[in-house]
């Protein structure tokens, strides 16, 4: 984990040092999300958020099965009961 200090420039701009951009895999033109969490500014990319979401959903996924197939089977079973 890198740590550095910087100043807020004109128009509220913050420069992310090259070494930190490299560590995070950020490139010029990348879109990032900014959010305040526990009174801290967090910067993340879409890929980072997607990876985090996939990790959280792993506990709901049965290996070798598609969630869409499970949902369709549930809906069909529900429809047959009606």
N, C-alpha and C. Protein backbone atom coordinates (compact mmCIF):
# COMPACT_ATOMS: atom_id res chain seq x y z
N UNK A 1 0.85 -1.18 0.00
CA UNK A 1 0.00 0.00 0.00
C UNK A 1 0.89 1.24 0.00
N UNK A 2 0.64 2.10 -0.97
CA UNK A 2 1.39 3.35 -1.04
C UNK A 2 0.63 4.44 -0.32
N UNK A 3 1.35 5.40 0.15
CA UNK A 3 0.75 6.56 0.80
C UNK A 3 1.53 7.79 0.37
N UNK A 4 0.83 8.86 0.10
CA UNK A 4 1.47 10.10 -0.30
C UNK A 4 0.58 11.26 0.08
N UNK A 5 1.12 12.43 0.02
CA UNK A 5 0.33 13.64 0.27
C UNK A 5 0.35 14.49 -0.98
N UNK A 6 -0.74 15.18 -1.19
CA UNK A 6 -0.85 16.09 -2.33
C UNK A 6 -1.73 17.25 -1.91
N UNK A 7 -1.78 18.25 -2.75
CA UNK A 7 -2.61 19.42 -2.45
C UNK A 7 -3.76 19.49 -3.44
N UNK A 8 -4.84 20.07 -2.99
CA UNK A 8 -5.96 20.32 -3.87
C UNK A 8 -5.64 21.57 -4.67
N UNK A 9 -5.67 21.43 -5.99
CA UNK A 9 -5.32 22.54 -6.88
C UNK A 9 -6.53 23.34 -7.31
N UNK A 10 -6.30 24.11 -8.36
CA UNK A 10 -7.36 24.94 -8.92
C UNK A 10 -8.57 24.10 -9.27
N UNK A 11 -9.72 24.65 -9.07
CA UNK A 11 -10.99 23.99 -9.39
C UNK A 11 -11.16 22.67 -8.65
N UNK A 12 -10.49 22.52 -7.51
CA UNK A 12 -10.66 21.32 -6.69
C UNK A 12 -9.99 20.08 -7.24
N UNK A 13 -9.04 20.23 -8.13
CA UNK A 13 -8.38 19.08 -8.75
C UNK A 13 -7.33 18.47 -7.84
N UNK A 14 -7.26 17.15 -7.90
CA UNK A 14 -6.25 16.40 -7.16
C UNK A 14 -5.47 15.58 -8.18
N UNK A 15 -4.17 15.63 -8.13
CA UNK A 15 -3.33 14.84 -9.02
C UNK A 15 -2.98 13.53 -8.33
N UNK A 16 -3.24 12.41 -9.01
CA UNK A 16 -2.87 11.10 -8.49
C UNK A 16 -1.48 10.80 -9.02
N UNK A 17 -0.50 10.65 -8.14
CA UNK A 17 0.88 10.41 -8.59
C UNK A 17 0.98 9.17 -9.48
N UNK A 18 1.92 9.20 -10.42
CA UNK A 18 2.10 8.12 -11.39
C UNK A 18 2.30 6.76 -10.72
N UNK A 19 3.05 6.71 -9.64
CA UNK A 19 3.31 5.41 -8.99
C UNK A 19 2.02 4.80 -8.46
N UNK A 20 1.11 5.62 -7.96
CA UNK A 20 -0.17 5.12 -7.46
C UNK A 20 -1.07 4.73 -8.62
N UNK A 21 -1.08 5.53 -9.69
CA UNK A 21 -1.87 5.17 -10.88
C UNK A 21 -1.41 3.83 -11.43
N UNK A 22 -0.10 3.61 -11.46
CA UNK A 22 0.44 2.33 -11.95
C UNK A 22 0.00 1.18 -11.06
N UNK A 23 0.10 1.37 -9.75
CA UNK A 23 -0.29 0.31 -8.81
C UNK A 23 -1.76 -0.06 -8.97
N UNK A 24 -2.60 0.93 -9.25
CA UNK A 24 -4.03 0.69 -9.41
C UNK A 24 -4.43 0.35 -10.84
N UNK A 25 -3.49 0.45 -11.76
CA UNK A 25 -3.79 0.16 -13.15
C UNK A 25 -4.62 1.24 -13.83
N UNK A 26 -4.51 2.47 -13.33
CA UNK A 26 -5.26 3.58 -13.90
C UNK A 26 -4.50 4.18 -15.07
N UNK A 27 -5.24 4.48 -16.13
CA UNK A 27 -4.64 5.11 -17.31
C UNK A 27 -5.36 6.42 -17.60
N UNK A 28 -4.69 7.30 -18.31
CA UNK A 28 -5.28 8.57 -18.70
C UNK A 28 -6.58 8.29 -19.46
N UNK A 29 -7.64 8.95 -19.08
CA UNK A 29 -8.94 8.78 -19.73
C UNK A 29 -9.84 7.75 -19.06
N UNK A 30 -9.30 6.96 -18.12
CA UNK A 30 -10.14 5.99 -17.41
C UNK A 30 -11.21 6.74 -16.62
N UNK A 31 -12.37 6.13 -16.54
CA UNK A 31 -13.45 6.68 -15.72
C UNK A 31 -13.38 6.06 -14.34
N UNK A 32 -13.48 6.87 -13.32
CA UNK A 32 -13.45 6.39 -11.94
C UNK A 32 -14.68 6.88 -11.20
N UNK A 33 -15.02 6.17 -10.15
CA UNK A 33 -16.12 6.57 -9.28
C UNK A 33 -15.52 7.15 -8.01
N UNK A 34 -16.05 8.26 -7.56
CA UNK A 34 -15.64 8.87 -6.30
C UNK A 34 -16.80 8.74 -5.32
N UNK A 35 -16.50 8.34 -4.10
CA UNK A 35 -17.55 8.28 -3.08
C UNK A 35 -16.94 8.57 -1.72
N UNK A 36 -17.75 9.08 -0.85
CA UNK A 36 -17.32 9.36 0.52
C UNK A 36 -17.81 8.21 1.38
N UNK A 37 -16.87 7.57 2.07
CA UNK A 37 -17.17 6.43 2.91
C UNK A 37 -16.43 6.60 4.22
N UNK A 38 -17.14 6.63 5.31
CA UNK A 38 -16.54 6.82 6.63
C UNK A 38 -15.65 8.06 6.65
N UNK A 39 -16.16 9.12 6.05
CA UNK A 39 -15.49 10.42 6.03
C UNK A 39 -14.16 10.40 5.27
N UNK A 40 -14.02 9.45 4.33
CA UNK A 40 -12.84 9.37 3.47
C UNK A 40 -13.28 9.36 2.02
N UNK A 41 -12.45 9.89 1.15
CA UNK A 41 -12.71 9.86 -0.28
C UNK A 41 -12.16 8.55 -0.84
N UNK A 42 -13.02 7.78 -1.50
CA UNK A 42 -12.62 6.52 -2.11
C UNK A 42 -12.72 6.66 -3.62
N UNK A 43 -11.71 6.17 -4.32
CA UNK A 43 -11.66 6.21 -5.78
C UNK A 43 -11.62 4.77 -6.27
N UNK A 44 -12.52 4.41 -7.19
CA UNK A 44 -12.51 3.05 -7.72
C UNK A 44 -12.89 3.05 -9.20
N UNK A 45 -12.47 1.99 -9.88
CA UNK A 45 -12.81 1.83 -11.29
C UNK A 45 -13.98 0.86 -11.40
N UNK A 46 -14.57 0.82 -12.58
CA UNK A 46 -15.66 -0.12 -12.84
C UNK A 46 -15.17 -1.55 -12.64
N UNK A 47 -13.99 -1.87 -13.17
CA UNK A 47 -13.45 -3.23 -13.05
C UNK A 47 -13.26 -3.64 -11.59
N UNK A 48 -12.80 -2.71 -10.76
CA UNK A 48 -12.61 -2.99 -9.34
C UNK A 48 -13.95 -3.27 -8.67
N UNK A 49 -14.95 -2.43 -8.97
CA UNK A 49 -16.28 -2.64 -8.39
C UNK A 49 -16.90 -3.94 -8.87
N UNK A 50 -16.71 -4.27 -10.15
CA UNK A 50 -17.24 -5.51 -10.70
C UNK A 50 -16.60 -6.72 -10.02
N UNK A 51 -15.30 -6.70 -9.85
CA UNK A 51 -14.59 -7.80 -9.18
C UNK A 51 -15.08 -7.96 -7.74
N UNK A 52 -15.28 -6.84 -7.05
CA UNK A 52 -15.75 -6.89 -5.66
C UNK A 52 -17.17 -7.47 -5.60
N UNK A 53 -18.02 -7.09 -6.54
CA UNK A 53 -19.38 -7.61 -6.59
C UNK A 53 -19.40 -9.10 -6.88
N UNK A 54 -18.57 -9.53 -7.83
CA UNK A 54 -18.50 -10.96 -8.15
C UNK A 54 -18.05 -11.77 -6.94
N UNK A 55 -17.09 -11.24 -6.19
CA UNK A 55 -16.59 -11.92 -5.00
C UNK A 55 -17.71 -12.06 -3.96
N UNK A 56 -18.50 -11.00 -3.78
CA UNK A 56 -19.61 -11.04 -2.82
C UNK A 56 -20.69 -12.04 -3.24
N UNK A 57 -20.90 -12.21 -4.54
CA UNK A 57 -21.96 -13.09 -5.04
C UNK A 57 -21.55 -14.55 -5.09
N UNK A 58 -20.27 -14.85 -4.94
CA UNK A 58 -19.79 -16.24 -5.02
C UNK A 58 -20.54 -17.17 -4.07
N UNK A 59 -20.89 -16.68 -2.90
CA UNK A 59 -21.54 -17.55 -1.91
C UNK A 59 -22.94 -17.98 -2.34
N UNK A 60 -23.52 -17.29 -3.34
CA UNK A 60 -24.85 -17.62 -3.81
C UNK A 60 -24.84 -18.49 -5.07
N UNK A 61 -23.65 -18.75 -5.60
CA UNK A 61 -23.53 -19.46 -6.87
C UNK A 61 -23.14 -20.91 -6.62
N UNK A 62 -23.87 -21.82 -7.29
CA UNK A 62 -23.55 -23.23 -7.22
C UNK A 62 -22.64 -23.54 -8.41
N UNK A 63 -21.44 -24.06 -8.17
CA UNK A 63 -20.53 -24.37 -9.28
C UNK A 63 -21.18 -25.30 -10.30
N UNK A 64 -21.04 -24.98 -11.58
CA UNK A 64 -21.58 -25.81 -12.64
C UNK A 64 -23.02 -25.52 -12.99
N UNK A 65 -23.67 -24.59 -12.27
CA UNK A 65 -25.06 -24.26 -12.55
C UNK A 65 -25.16 -22.78 -12.90
N UNK A 66 -26.06 -22.48 -13.81
CA UNK A 66 -26.33 -21.09 -14.14
C UNK A 66 -27.47 -20.57 -13.27
N UNK A 67 -27.30 -19.40 -12.71
CA UNK A 67 -28.35 -18.83 -11.88
C UNK A 67 -29.62 -18.62 -12.70
N UNK A 68 -29.46 -18.30 -13.99
CA UNK A 68 -30.63 -18.09 -14.84
C UNK A 68 -31.43 -19.39 -14.97
N UNK A 69 -30.75 -20.54 -15.08
CA UNK A 69 -31.46 -21.82 -15.17
C UNK A 69 -32.21 -22.11 -13.87
N UNK A 70 -31.59 -21.81 -12.74
CA UNK A 70 -32.24 -22.00 -11.45
C UNK A 70 -33.47 -21.11 -11.32
N UNK A 71 -33.35 -19.87 -11.76
CA UNK A 71 -34.48 -18.93 -11.69
C UNK A 71 -35.63 -19.41 -12.57
N UNK A 72 -35.31 -19.84 -13.80
CA UNK A 72 -36.35 -20.34 -14.70
C UNK A 72 -37.05 -21.55 -14.10
N UNK A 73 -36.29 -22.47 -13.51
CA UNK A 73 -36.88 -23.66 -12.88
C UNK A 73 -37.80 -23.26 -11.73
N UNK A 74 -37.38 -22.28 -10.92
CA UNK A 74 -38.22 -21.80 -9.82
C UNK A 74 -39.51 -21.20 -10.35
N UNK A 75 -39.41 -20.39 -11.39
CA UNK A 75 -40.60 -19.74 -11.97
C UNK A 75 -41.56 -20.78 -12.54
N UNK A 76 -41.02 -21.79 -13.22
CA UNK A 76 -41.88 -22.84 -13.79
C UNK A 76 -42.57 -23.63 -12.69
N UNK A 77 -41.85 -23.94 -11.62
CA UNK A 77 -42.45 -24.66 -10.50
C UNK A 77 -43.55 -23.83 -9.86
N UNK A 78 -43.30 -22.54 -9.72
CA UNK A 78 -44.30 -21.64 -9.14
C UNK A 78 -45.54 -21.56 -10.04
N UNK A 79 -45.32 -21.48 -11.36
CA UNK A 79 -46.43 -21.38 -12.30
C UNK A 79 -47.26 -22.66 -12.29
N UNK A 80 -46.61 -23.83 -12.12
CA UNK A 80 -47.37 -25.09 -12.11
C UNK A 80 -48.21 -25.21 -10.85
N UNK A 81 -47.84 -24.55 -9.78
CA UNK A 81 -48.61 -24.58 -8.54
C UNK A 81 -49.84 -23.68 -8.62
N UNK A 82 -49.86 -22.75 -9.55
CA UNK A 82 -50.98 -21.79 -9.64
C UNK A 82 -52.16 -22.35 -10.32
